[in-house]
Protein backbone atom coordinates (compact mmCIF):
# COMPACT_ATOMS: atom_id res chain seq x y z
CA MET A 1 48.17 62.00 -175.37
CA SER A 2 47.57 58.27 -174.93
CA ARG A 3 49.35 55.82 -172.64
CA ALA A 4 51.01 54.44 -175.75
CA GLU A 5 52.72 57.81 -176.11
CA GLY A 6 54.16 57.52 -172.62
CA ARG A 7 51.78 59.44 -170.37
CA THR A 8 48.41 58.65 -168.86
CA PRO A 9 45.92 61.49 -169.41
CA TRP A 10 44.85 63.21 -166.20
CA TRP A 11 41.22 62.20 -166.66
CA GLN A 12 41.78 58.43 -166.87
CA GLY A 13 40.73 57.15 -163.46
CA ALA A 14 40.00 60.65 -162.15
CA VAL A 15 37.18 61.41 -159.70
CA VAL A 16 34.88 64.06 -161.20
CA TYR A 17 32.44 65.75 -158.81
CA GLN A 18 29.27 67.03 -160.48
CA ILE A 19 27.72 70.21 -159.13
CA TYR A 20 24.16 71.26 -159.94
CA PRO A 21 24.78 75.01 -159.51
CA ARG A 22 21.17 76.03 -158.75
CA SER A 23 21.26 73.75 -155.71
CA PHE A 24 24.80 73.96 -154.35
CA LEU A 25 25.04 77.21 -152.34
CA ASP A 26 23.19 80.52 -152.64
CA THR A 27 25.16 83.56 -151.45
CA ASN A 28 22.72 86.39 -152.19
CA GLY A 29 19.48 85.07 -150.68
CA ASP A 30 17.47 84.70 -153.89
CA GLY A 31 17.05 80.96 -153.34
CA VAL A 32 19.16 79.94 -156.34
CA GLY A 33 22.72 78.69 -156.06
CA ASP A 34 25.42 80.78 -157.73
CA LEU A 35 29.06 80.82 -158.81
CA LYS A 36 30.19 82.57 -155.64
CA GLY A 37 28.58 79.75 -153.68
CA ILE A 38 30.57 77.19 -155.62
CA GLU A 39 33.76 79.16 -155.01
CA ARG A 40 33.00 79.34 -151.31
CA LYS A 41 32.76 75.54 -151.10
CA LEU A 42 35.79 74.64 -153.20
CA ASP A 43 37.76 73.58 -150.14
CA TYR A 44 34.99 71.13 -149.31
CA VAL A 45 35.14 69.60 -152.80
CA ALA A 46 38.93 69.45 -152.63
CA SER A 47 38.72 67.72 -149.23
CA LEU A 48 36.81 64.88 -150.88
CA GLY A 49 39.78 64.22 -153.13
CA ALA A 50 38.03 65.23 -156.34
CA ASP A 51 40.27 65.73 -159.35
CA ALA A 52 37.76 67.78 -161.31
CA ILE A 53 34.44 69.60 -161.00
CA TRP A 54 31.68 69.30 -163.60
CA LEU A 55 29.15 72.14 -163.57
CA SER A 56 25.68 71.68 -164.98
CA PRO A 57 24.73 74.61 -167.29
CA ILE A 58 25.46 78.13 -166.04
CA TYR A 59 24.35 79.98 -169.21
CA PRO A 60 21.40 82.35 -169.66
CA SER A 61 18.19 80.38 -170.05
CA PRO A 62 14.42 80.84 -169.68
CA ASN A 63 14.70 77.75 -167.45
CA ARG A 64 11.94 75.71 -169.02
CA ASP A 65 14.46 72.85 -168.62
CA PHE A 66 16.63 74.65 -166.05
CA GLY A 67 19.68 75.52 -168.08
CA TYR A 68 19.47 72.76 -170.65
CA ASP A 69 17.60 75.24 -172.84
CA VAL A 70 20.36 77.73 -173.56
CA SER A 71 19.54 81.22 -174.84
CA ASP A 72 23.16 82.47 -174.96
CA TYR A 73 26.12 80.09 -175.18
CA CYS A 74 28.78 82.66 -174.33
CA ALA A 75 27.46 84.38 -171.21
CA ILE A 76 26.63 83.67 -167.56
CA ALA A 77 23.04 83.41 -166.31
CA PRO A 78 22.36 86.54 -164.21
CA GLU A 79 21.10 84.45 -161.29
CA MET A 80 24.43 82.59 -161.31
CA GLY A 81 26.66 85.66 -161.32
CA THR A 82 28.94 87.40 -163.79
CA MET A 83 31.73 86.49 -166.18
CA GLU A 84 34.14 87.98 -163.64
CA ASP A 85 32.77 85.53 -161.07
CA PHE A 86 33.36 82.72 -163.52
CA ASP A 87 36.92 83.75 -164.32
CA ARG A 88 37.70 83.92 -160.61
CA LEU A 89 36.15 80.49 -160.11
CA VAL A 90 38.37 78.98 -162.81
CA LYS A 91 41.42 80.48 -161.11
CA GLU A 92 40.41 79.19 -157.67
CA VAL A 93 39.63 75.69 -158.94
CA HIS A 94 43.05 75.50 -160.58
CA ALA A 95 44.74 76.88 -157.46
CA ARG A 96 43.47 73.80 -155.59
CA GLY A 97 44.88 71.43 -158.18
CA MET A 98 41.51 70.57 -159.70
CA LYS A 99 40.09 70.85 -163.22
CA LEU A 100 36.87 72.61 -164.28
CA ILE A 101 34.47 70.97 -166.74
CA LEU A 102 31.39 72.67 -168.18
CA ASP A 103 28.18 71.13 -169.48
CA GLN A 104 27.63 71.97 -173.15
CA VAL A 105 24.23 71.60 -174.79
CA LEU A 106 24.98 71.72 -178.50
CA SER A 107 22.21 69.48 -179.80
CA HIS A 108 19.50 72.09 -179.25
CA THR A 109 18.91 75.61 -177.94
CA SER A 110 16.11 77.48 -176.26
CA ASP A 111 13.44 78.87 -178.57
CA GLN A 112 14.51 82.22 -177.10
CA HIS A 113 18.01 81.93 -178.56
CA PRO A 114 18.66 84.65 -181.19
CA TRP A 115 19.53 81.96 -183.73
CA PHE A 116 16.06 80.43 -183.51
CA GLN A 117 14.32 83.79 -183.31
CA GLU A 118 15.88 84.62 -186.67
CA SER A 119 15.36 81.16 -188.15
CA LEU A 120 11.60 81.16 -187.59
CA LEU A 121 11.01 84.48 -189.40
CA SER A 122 11.18 83.12 -192.95
CA ARG A 123 12.38 80.28 -195.15
CA ASP A 124 15.11 82.35 -196.77
CA ASN A 125 16.83 84.33 -194.01
CA PRO A 126 20.53 83.70 -193.19
CA LYS A 127 19.64 81.27 -190.38
CA ALA A 128 16.61 79.67 -192.01
CA ASP A 129 18.37 76.30 -192.17
CA TRP A 130 20.07 76.45 -188.74
CA TYR A 131 17.29 74.32 -187.23
CA VAL A 132 15.44 71.24 -188.47
CA TRP A 133 12.34 72.41 -190.34
CA ALA A 134 10.03 70.19 -192.38
CA GLU A 135 6.80 70.35 -194.37
CA ALA A 136 3.59 68.97 -192.95
CA ARG A 137 1.97 65.98 -194.55
CA GLU A 138 -1.02 66.73 -196.74
CA ASP A 139 -3.38 66.23 -193.82
CA GLY A 140 -1.39 68.65 -191.62
CA THR A 141 0.24 66.01 -189.43
CA PRO A 142 3.99 65.94 -188.67
CA PRO A 143 6.41 64.60 -191.27
CA ASN A 144 7.20 61.36 -189.41
CA ASN A 145 6.59 59.35 -186.22
CA TRP A 146 9.40 60.74 -184.07
CA LEU A 147 8.45 61.09 -180.41
CA ALA A 148 9.96 63.63 -178.00
CA ALA A 149 11.83 62.35 -174.94
CA PHE A 150 9.51 64.33 -172.65
CA GLY A 151 6.34 63.01 -174.30
CA GLY A 152 4.24 63.70 -177.40
CA ALA A 153 5.31 64.32 -180.97
CA ALA A 154 8.85 65.59 -181.57
CA TRP A 155 7.49 68.22 -184.00
CA SER A 156 5.77 71.55 -183.37
CA TRP A 157 4.06 73.76 -185.92
CA HIS A 158 5.11 77.38 -186.38
CA PRO A 159 2.66 79.64 -188.23
CA LEU A 160 5.29 82.13 -189.44
CA ARG A 161 7.06 79.53 -191.57
CA ARG A 162 4.04 77.25 -191.98
CA GLN A 163 6.33 74.36 -191.18
CA TYR A 164 7.11 71.98 -188.37
CA TYR A 165 10.35 72.22 -186.39
CA PHE A 166 11.98 69.25 -184.65
CA HIS A 167 12.58 69.14 -180.90
CA LYS A 168 13.84 65.99 -179.22
CA PHE A 169 12.79 67.33 -175.85
CA LEU A 170 10.43 70.24 -175.04
CA LYS A 171 8.84 72.24 -177.85
CA SER A 172 10.83 75.18 -176.42
CA GLN A 173 14.09 73.30 -177.23
CA PRO A 174 14.38 73.34 -181.06
CA LYS A 175 16.98 71.02 -182.55
CA LEU A 176 20.02 72.52 -184.25
CA ASN A 177 20.69 71.31 -187.79
CA PHE A 178 24.16 69.75 -187.83
CA HIS A 179 23.82 69.09 -191.56
CA ASN A 180 24.47 72.83 -191.97
CA PRO A 181 28.25 73.46 -191.80
CA ASP A 182 27.68 76.99 -190.47
CA VAL A 183 25.88 75.53 -187.45
CA VAL A 184 28.73 73.13 -186.77
CA ASP A 185 31.29 75.93 -187.06
CA ALA A 186 29.29 78.11 -184.67
CA CYS A 187 29.07 75.31 -182.11
CA MET A 188 32.78 74.60 -182.35
CA ASN A 189 33.43 78.30 -181.72
CA VAL A 190 31.34 78.03 -178.55
CA LEU A 191 33.73 75.36 -177.32
CA ARG A 192 36.73 77.53 -178.20
CA PHE A 193 35.24 80.50 -176.34
CA TRP A 194 35.24 78.58 -173.05
CA LEU A 195 38.50 76.75 -173.67
CA ASP A 196 40.16 80.11 -174.19
CA ARG A 197 38.87 81.14 -170.74
CA GLY A 198 40.73 78.23 -169.16
CA VAL A 199 38.04 75.54 -169.00
CA ASP A 200 39.53 72.04 -168.89
CA GLY A 201 36.81 70.19 -170.72
CA PHE A 202 33.16 69.54 -171.43
CA ARG A 203 30.43 67.09 -170.66
CA LEU A 204 28.36 66.98 -173.85
CA ASP A 205 24.63 66.70 -173.24
CA VAL A 206 22.87 64.06 -175.40
CA ALA A 207 25.98 63.70 -177.54
CA ASN A 208 24.27 60.87 -179.42
CA SER A 209 21.74 63.25 -180.95
CA TYR A 210 23.73 65.90 -182.82
CA VAL A 211 23.13 64.50 -186.32
CA HIS A 212 19.66 63.35 -187.35
CA ASP A 213 18.61 61.37 -190.41
CA GLU A 214 18.43 63.97 -193.17
CA HIS A 215 15.71 61.93 -194.94
CA LEU A 216 13.51 62.00 -191.80
CA GLY A 217 12.80 58.26 -191.85
CA ASP A 218 10.35 56.82 -189.33
CA ASN A 219 11.82 55.26 -186.22
CA PRO A 220 11.04 51.51 -186.04
CA PRO A 221 9.14 50.09 -183.08
CA VAL A 222 10.80 48.15 -180.29
CA PRO A 223 9.73 44.53 -181.01
CA MET A 224 6.94 43.36 -178.73
CA ALA A 225 9.06 40.48 -177.41
CA GLU A 226 11.77 42.91 -176.27
CA ARG A 227 9.54 45.37 -174.45
CA THR A 228 10.00 45.75 -170.71
CA PHE A 229 8.22 47.73 -168.03
CA ALA A 230 10.56 50.65 -168.80
CA ASN A 231 9.38 50.70 -172.42
CA TRP A 232 5.70 50.67 -171.53
CA SER A 233 6.12 53.36 -168.86
CA HIS A 234 6.95 56.03 -171.43
CA ALA A 235 5.69 56.11 -175.03
CA PRO A 236 8.95 57.37 -176.63
CA ARG A 237 10.63 54.17 -175.41
CA LEU A 238 8.33 52.10 -177.59
CA GLN A 239 10.40 53.06 -180.63
CA ARG A 240 14.08 52.66 -181.43
CA HIS A 241 15.61 56.08 -181.81
CA ILE A 242 17.86 55.42 -184.80
CA HIS A 243 16.75 58.23 -187.11
CA ASP A 244 16.10 61.18 -184.78
CA ALA A 245 19.42 60.34 -183.00
CA ASN A 246 22.06 57.61 -182.72
CA THR A 247 22.88 57.75 -186.42
CA PRO A 248 26.18 56.48 -187.88
CA GLU A 249 26.72 60.01 -189.23
CA ASN A 250 26.83 61.35 -185.68
CA GLU A 251 30.39 60.02 -185.52
CA TRP A 252 31.74 62.86 -187.64
CA ALA A 253 30.27 65.40 -185.21
CA MET A 254 32.19 63.72 -182.39
CA ARG A 255 35.32 63.93 -184.54
CA ARG A 256 34.79 67.66 -185.03
CA VAL A 257 34.58 68.15 -181.28
CA ARG A 258 37.72 66.10 -180.70
CA LYS A 259 39.61 68.12 -183.29
CA VAL A 260 38.78 71.29 -181.39
CA MET A 261 39.86 69.73 -178.08
CA ASP A 262 43.14 68.55 -179.55
CA GLY A 263 44.00 72.17 -180.34
CA TYR A 264 44.40 72.72 -176.59
CA LYS A 265 46.59 70.95 -174.04
CA ASP A 266 45.23 68.33 -171.62
CA ARG A 267 41.53 68.91 -172.28
CA LEU A 268 38.66 66.42 -171.98
CA ALA A 269 35.37 65.91 -173.83
CA PHE A 270 33.04 63.18 -172.57
CA GLY A 271 29.56 62.47 -173.80
CA GLU A 272 26.18 61.42 -172.48
CA PHE A 273 24.96 58.51 -174.63
CA SER A 274 21.41 57.26 -174.20
CA GLU A 275 18.98 54.97 -176.06
CA GLU A 276 21.40 52.92 -178.22
CA PRO A 277 24.45 51.76 -176.20
CA SER A 278 25.74 49.87 -179.24
CA MET A 279 26.77 53.23 -180.74
CA PHE A 280 28.96 54.07 -177.72
CA GLY A 281 32.17 52.72 -179.22
CA ILE A 282 31.53 54.50 -182.52
CA TYR A 283 31.20 57.91 -180.90
CA ALA A 284 33.88 57.73 -178.18
CA GLY A 285 37.39 56.35 -177.70
CA GLY A 286 40.55 56.26 -179.77
CA MET A 287 42.50 59.21 -181.07
CA ASP A 288 39.85 61.12 -183.02
CA ARG A 289 36.48 60.73 -181.29
CA LEU A 290 35.31 61.89 -177.86
CA HIS A 291 37.76 60.91 -175.14
CA THR A 292 35.14 58.97 -173.19
CA GLY A 293 31.50 58.95 -172.11
CA TYR A 294 28.80 57.09 -170.24
CA THR A 295 25.56 55.30 -170.99
CA PHE A 296 22.40 54.90 -168.89
CA ASP A 297 22.91 51.22 -167.99
CA PHE A 298 23.85 51.91 -164.36
CA ILE A 299 21.97 55.14 -163.65
CA GLU A 300 18.63 53.64 -164.71
CA ASP A 301 19.17 50.28 -163.01
CA ARG A 302 16.80 49.45 -160.16
CA SER A 303 17.74 45.80 -159.64
CA PHE A 304 21.21 46.16 -158.07
CA LYS A 305 22.05 42.70 -159.38
CA PRO A 306 25.62 41.53 -160.11
CA LYS A 307 24.61 40.62 -163.66
CA VAL A 308 24.02 44.30 -164.50
CA PHE A 309 27.62 45.27 -163.79
CA ARG A 310 29.26 42.17 -165.20
CA THR A 311 27.27 42.26 -168.44
CA TYR A 312 28.10 45.93 -169.01
CA TYR A 313 31.86 45.40 -168.81
CA ASP A 314 32.06 41.93 -170.38
CA GLU A 315 29.63 42.45 -173.27
CA LEU A 316 29.61 46.18 -174.06
CA LEU A 317 33.05 47.44 -173.00
CA MET A 318 35.39 44.50 -173.42
CA PRO A 319 35.29 44.55 -177.26
CA LEU A 320 36.04 48.31 -177.20
CA GLU A 321 39.74 48.15 -176.41
CA HIS A 322 40.23 51.76 -177.49
CA LEU A 323 37.66 53.11 -175.02
CA TRP A 324 38.35 54.06 -171.40
CA PRO A 325 34.87 54.39 -169.82
CA CYS A 326 33.22 56.62 -167.27
CA VAL A 327 31.45 54.93 -164.38
CA THR A 328 28.51 56.66 -162.73
CA PHE A 329 25.50 55.73 -160.61
CA SER A 330 23.91 59.15 -160.19
CA ASN A 331 23.33 62.59 -161.71
CA HIS A 332 20.83 65.43 -162.01
CA ASP A 333 18.43 63.39 -164.22
CA VAL A 334 17.85 60.18 -162.26
CA VAL A 335 16.51 58.97 -158.93
CA ARG A 336 19.31 58.93 -156.38
CA PRO A 337 20.90 55.46 -156.05
CA VAL A 338 20.12 54.96 -152.36
CA THR A 339 16.42 55.25 -153.15
CA ARG A 340 16.60 53.55 -156.55
CA TRP A 341 18.28 50.49 -155.05
CA GLY A 342 15.92 50.23 -152.12
CA GLY A 343 16.88 52.62 -149.36
CA GLY A 344 13.73 54.74 -149.26
CA ARG A 345 14.47 57.84 -147.19
CA GLY A 346 17.98 56.76 -146.36
CA ASP A 347 20.22 53.74 -145.94
CA ASP A 348 23.80 54.52 -144.97
CA ALA A 349 24.96 50.93 -145.39
CA LEU A 350 23.68 50.90 -148.96
CA ALA A 351 25.20 54.35 -149.62
CA LYS A 352 28.64 53.16 -148.46
CA LEU A 353 28.42 49.97 -150.49
CA GLY A 354 27.44 51.97 -153.57
CA LEU A 355 30.43 54.25 -153.11
CA LEU A 356 32.82 51.33 -152.64
CA LEU A 357 31.55 49.74 -155.85
CA LEU A 358 31.62 53.03 -157.76
CA LEU A 359 35.21 53.74 -156.79
CA THR A 360 36.55 50.25 -157.52
CA LEU A 361 34.99 49.63 -160.94
CA LYS A 362 37.14 50.49 -163.95
CA GLY A 363 36.62 53.99 -165.28
CA THR A 364 36.67 57.71 -164.67
CA VAL A 365 34.31 58.24 -161.74
CA LEU A 366 31.43 60.71 -162.04
CA MET A 367 30.05 61.45 -158.56
CA TYR A 368 26.99 63.66 -158.10
CA GLN A 369 26.70 66.20 -155.28
CA GLY A 370 25.16 64.63 -152.20
CA GLU A 371 26.17 61.11 -153.19
CA GLU A 372 29.03 61.41 -150.71
CA LEU A 373 26.41 62.14 -148.03
CA GLY A 374 24.21 59.18 -148.90
CA LEU A 375 21.32 61.50 -149.71
CA PRO A 376 18.11 59.73 -150.71
CA GLU A 377 15.65 61.05 -153.29
CA ALA A 378 13.49 63.91 -151.98
CA ASP A 379 9.79 63.02 -152.09
CA LEU A 380 8.16 66.31 -153.12
CA GLU A 381 4.56 67.49 -152.99
CA ARG A 382 2.86 68.64 -156.18
CA LYS A 383 3.24 72.33 -155.32
CA TRP A 384 7.03 71.99 -155.49
CA ILE A 385 7.29 70.28 -158.87
CA LYS A 386 9.29 72.40 -161.31
CA ASP A 387 10.55 69.78 -163.75
CA PRO A 388 8.48 69.50 -166.96
CA VAL A 389 8.64 65.71 -166.78
CA GLY A 390 7.16 65.72 -163.27
CA ASP A 391 4.60 68.28 -164.33
CA LEU A 392 3.47 65.92 -167.10
CA TYR A 393 3.22 62.68 -165.10
CA PHE A 394 2.68 63.60 -161.43
CA PRO A 395 1.93 61.73 -159.18
CA PHE A 396 2.74 58.53 -161.11
CA GLY A 397 6.12 59.95 -162.01
CA LYS A 398 7.52 62.94 -160.13
CA GLY A 399 10.25 63.89 -162.57
CA ARG A 400 13.77 64.95 -161.68
CA ASP A 401 13.25 67.54 -158.94
CA GLY A 402 13.78 64.93 -156.21
CA CYS A 403 17.48 64.61 -157.03
CA ARG A 404 17.97 68.35 -157.54
CA THR A 405 17.05 69.69 -154.11
CA PRO A 406 19.58 71.94 -152.34
CA MET A 407 22.77 70.62 -150.80
CA PRO A 408 22.44 70.42 -146.98
CA TRP A 409 25.44 72.09 -145.36
CA GLU A 410 24.35 72.74 -141.76
CA SER A 411 21.90 70.44 -139.97
CA VAL A 412 20.19 73.08 -137.79
CA ALA A 413 20.62 76.22 -139.91
CA HIS A 414 17.90 77.93 -141.93
CA GLU A 415 17.29 75.77 -145.04
CA ALA A 416 20.30 73.64 -144.04
CA GLY A 417 22.64 76.56 -144.74
CA PHE A 418 21.88 76.60 -148.47
CA THR A 419 20.27 80.06 -148.55
CA SER A 420 19.21 82.90 -146.27
CA GLY A 421 16.00 83.20 -148.29
CA ALA A 422 13.43 80.78 -149.68
CA PRO A 423 15.04 77.98 -151.74
CA TRP A 424 13.86 77.24 -155.26
CA LEU A 425 13.25 73.64 -154.11
CA PRO A 426 12.73 72.57 -150.49
CA VAL A 427 15.26 70.87 -148.22
CA PRO A 428 13.67 67.76 -146.64
CA ASP A 429 14.16 67.09 -142.92
CA TYR A 430 15.76 63.74 -143.73
CA HIS A 431 18.40 65.61 -145.72
CA CYS A 432 19.10 68.02 -142.86
CA SER A 433 20.01 65.10 -140.61
CA ARG A 434 22.62 64.11 -143.21
CA ALA A 435 24.08 67.61 -143.57
CA VAL A 436 27.81 68.06 -144.06
CA ASP A 437 28.48 69.46 -140.58
CA ALA A 438 26.66 66.58 -138.88
CA GLN A 439 28.54 63.96 -140.89
CA GLU A 440 31.91 65.58 -140.30
CA ARG A 441 31.35 65.06 -136.57
CA SER A 442 30.82 61.31 -136.96
CA GLU A 443 33.64 58.90 -137.77
CA THR A 444 31.08 56.35 -139.04
CA SER A 445 29.30 58.69 -141.46
CA VAL A 446 28.98 58.22 -145.19
CA LEU A 447 30.98 61.42 -145.80
CA VAL A 448 33.94 60.32 -143.69
CA PHE A 449 33.90 56.96 -145.44
CA ALA A 450 33.74 58.64 -148.87
CA ARG A 451 36.81 60.77 -148.11
CA ARG A 452 38.75 57.77 -146.82
CA LEU A 453 37.70 55.69 -149.82
CA ILE A 454 38.73 58.27 -152.42
CA HIS A 455 42.08 58.71 -150.68
CA PHE A 456 42.52 54.92 -150.65
CA ARG A 457 41.70 54.68 -154.35
CA LYS A 458 44.35 57.25 -155.23
CA GLN A 459 47.00 55.10 -153.52
CA GLN A 460 46.14 52.00 -155.57
CA PRO A 461 47.37 52.07 -159.20
CA ALA A 462 45.18 49.09 -160.02
CA LEU A 463 42.03 51.02 -159.07
CA VAL A 464 42.99 54.21 -160.89
CA THR A 465 44.17 52.96 -164.28
CA GLY A 466 44.20 49.16 -163.99
CA ASP A 467 42.22 46.63 -165.99
CA ILE A 468 39.24 44.66 -164.71
CA ARG A 469 38.36 40.98 -164.80
CA PHE A 470 35.16 39.54 -163.35
CA VAL A 471 35.36 36.24 -161.49
CA GLU A 472 32.76 33.60 -160.77
CA ALA A 473 30.77 33.72 -157.56
CA ALA A 474 28.11 31.38 -156.21
CA GLY A 475 24.57 32.65 -155.84
CA ASP A 476 22.94 35.74 -157.29
CA ALA A 477 24.03 38.32 -154.71
CA ILE A 478 27.84 38.27 -154.87
CA LEU A 479 29.72 40.45 -157.36
CA ALA A 480 33.47 39.84 -157.56
CA PHE A 481 36.17 41.21 -159.82
CA GLU A 482 39.91 41.76 -159.94
CA ARG A 483 41.62 45.07 -160.71
CA MET A 484 45.08 44.65 -162.17
CA SER A 485 48.01 46.90 -162.99
CA GLU A 486 51.72 46.32 -163.30
CA GLY A 487 52.86 45.11 -159.91
CA GLN A 488 49.43 45.07 -158.24
CA ARG A 489 46.33 42.85 -158.18
CA LEU A 490 43.30 43.54 -156.03
CA LEU A 491 40.20 41.44 -155.39
CA CYS A 492 36.95 43.37 -154.90
CA VAL A 493 33.99 41.43 -153.45
CA PHE A 494 30.48 42.78 -152.83
CA ASN A 495 27.33 41.32 -151.34
CA LEU A 496 24.60 43.26 -153.12
CA GLY A 497 21.85 41.28 -151.38
CA ARG A 498 19.92 41.76 -148.16
CA ASN A 499 21.09 38.52 -146.51
CA GLU A 500 24.47 37.29 -145.33
CA ALA A 501 26.56 35.57 -148.01
CA GLY A 502 29.95 33.90 -148.32
CA TYR A 503 32.71 33.97 -150.91
CA GLU A 504 35.49 31.41 -151.32
CA LEU A 505 38.84 33.18 -151.43
CA PRO A 506 41.87 32.21 -153.51
CA ALA A 507 44.83 30.96 -151.51
CA ASN A 508 46.89 34.09 -152.16
CA ALA A 509 44.34 36.58 -150.83
CA GLY A 510 45.73 38.94 -148.20
CA GLU A 511 44.22 40.91 -145.35
CA THR A 512 41.32 43.27 -146.09
CA LEU A 513 42.52 46.71 -147.19
CA ILE A 514 39.20 48.54 -146.99
CA SER A 515 35.64 47.39 -146.38
CA THR A 516 32.14 48.44 -145.50
CA GLY A 517 29.48 46.58 -143.57
CA GLU A 518 30.03 43.35 -141.64
CA VAL A 519 33.01 41.57 -143.16
CA GLU A 520 34.68 38.54 -141.57
CA LEU A 521 37.87 37.16 -143.09
CA GLY A 522 38.37 33.45 -142.51
CA LYS A 523 41.14 31.08 -143.60
CA ASN A 524 39.81 30.50 -147.11
CA ALA A 525 36.55 32.41 -147.13
CA LEU A 526 35.03 35.83 -146.74
CA LYS A 527 31.77 36.19 -144.84
CA LEU A 528 29.82 39.26 -145.92
CA GLY A 529 26.84 40.72 -144.14
CA ALA A 530 23.97 42.28 -146.07
CA ARG A 531 25.15 45.13 -148.31
CA ALA A 532 28.81 44.63 -147.38
CA GLY A 533 31.96 44.75 -149.50
CA ALA A 534 35.73 44.43 -149.23
CA VAL A 535 38.96 44.94 -151.17
CA LEU A 536 41.84 42.52 -150.65
CA PRO A 537 45.32 42.21 -152.21
CA LEU A 538 46.26 39.18 -154.33
């Protein structure tokens, strides 16, 4: 139900805490986190003030891409627990007043999924057209120029069918064919299976890539004049992905998902949208597409410049009046923000500033486990690399393992209290020093600040569901914006730079409500130390 119908949906302005289950808490000593571990730490998540929990995949998988290669959509991975464990987890989450959101990977499956195992057997079996198969060119090369996100051609040959199959990621992740109505129906039934078990919503992995160009047209190149370092660092980024994904037709797939969600009360579907942000407003927002979603503009940013944030809201979001956004700086796929924005092995001042910005920007907040601790990226040796991206590019690129290391619970316990055995990824010493128990003992810690900040946000209507308006600021380090709701206006000012900076205040600015770093309020000005920020009433 929309605000126009008299009630604000629970997810608008909510704080969603993402858990990477393999790395949250292991209760049986096998080194892999499990559902019982998540249940055991629900009080911790609730103490943060989270409104919902988002779990990365918990389904059976050969773990070539650690759960994002699903081999059974309607079961629990044995290393994670049982369906009974899951049902109990749902009940316990709800008992604490929170919602439970699952990751759903409907664009592709594992090559071990029974659907693909049947599809590859022949060209005329019942599931022959459930995946994207194509003839080779006369010289045996793939049918077009599509490149896989993890490197190399997006096509792999299979000798049984004497055809190529499409995979946007690993060759072990074949792409489902959404042009086949039976595939779409099967995927919608997957959603219903979990909704019927009490799940409150889904985060849809690569939601921009459900529907490919049926004619298999070549992707065009990114023009030479528009290429940046990010393009040249990874070959797939040298082409615009407008035929293998990000198609106009993908909109109807989002509508099908929304129709399923609308058959249940108070449910949420939000999407991950990469590569072509211009398609964001076509796939999400309004009454019949996904409720919301996020792009990669913030989570891939390394500049930490005010222009990044202002441009995103003013140029991308402002024209999309029907779309309430998600705001996120971190997740299981990207370098942790403290390191990405310059903190190396840790910078608590930067971590607090990042949290203050995250929780004052307009949107539904997606916060990744460990962000509330100010955890930096883990710098892993080659022997620990598990991620296929890191395996491909090490040491020039170390992949995603550095943001997926286990959650540190106890500073002096074995493996920081994550497991009694050997963890699947190591726990760095500089994470142990930022463990939950250590931070709970310090009133100046990032964790204590995060709890206070989330509580503060919940008391300010303008921050939860209010609008946003960016205001001018001198220099290239100050970011300033107003958050506005009926009866409340707040001014949020941030010094994203490494040197002291000042900001001229309007005459009606009040006393600082919450701040981080060195902040000095003068008669008509605000003096901000490096990496400092403040919220004031207007």
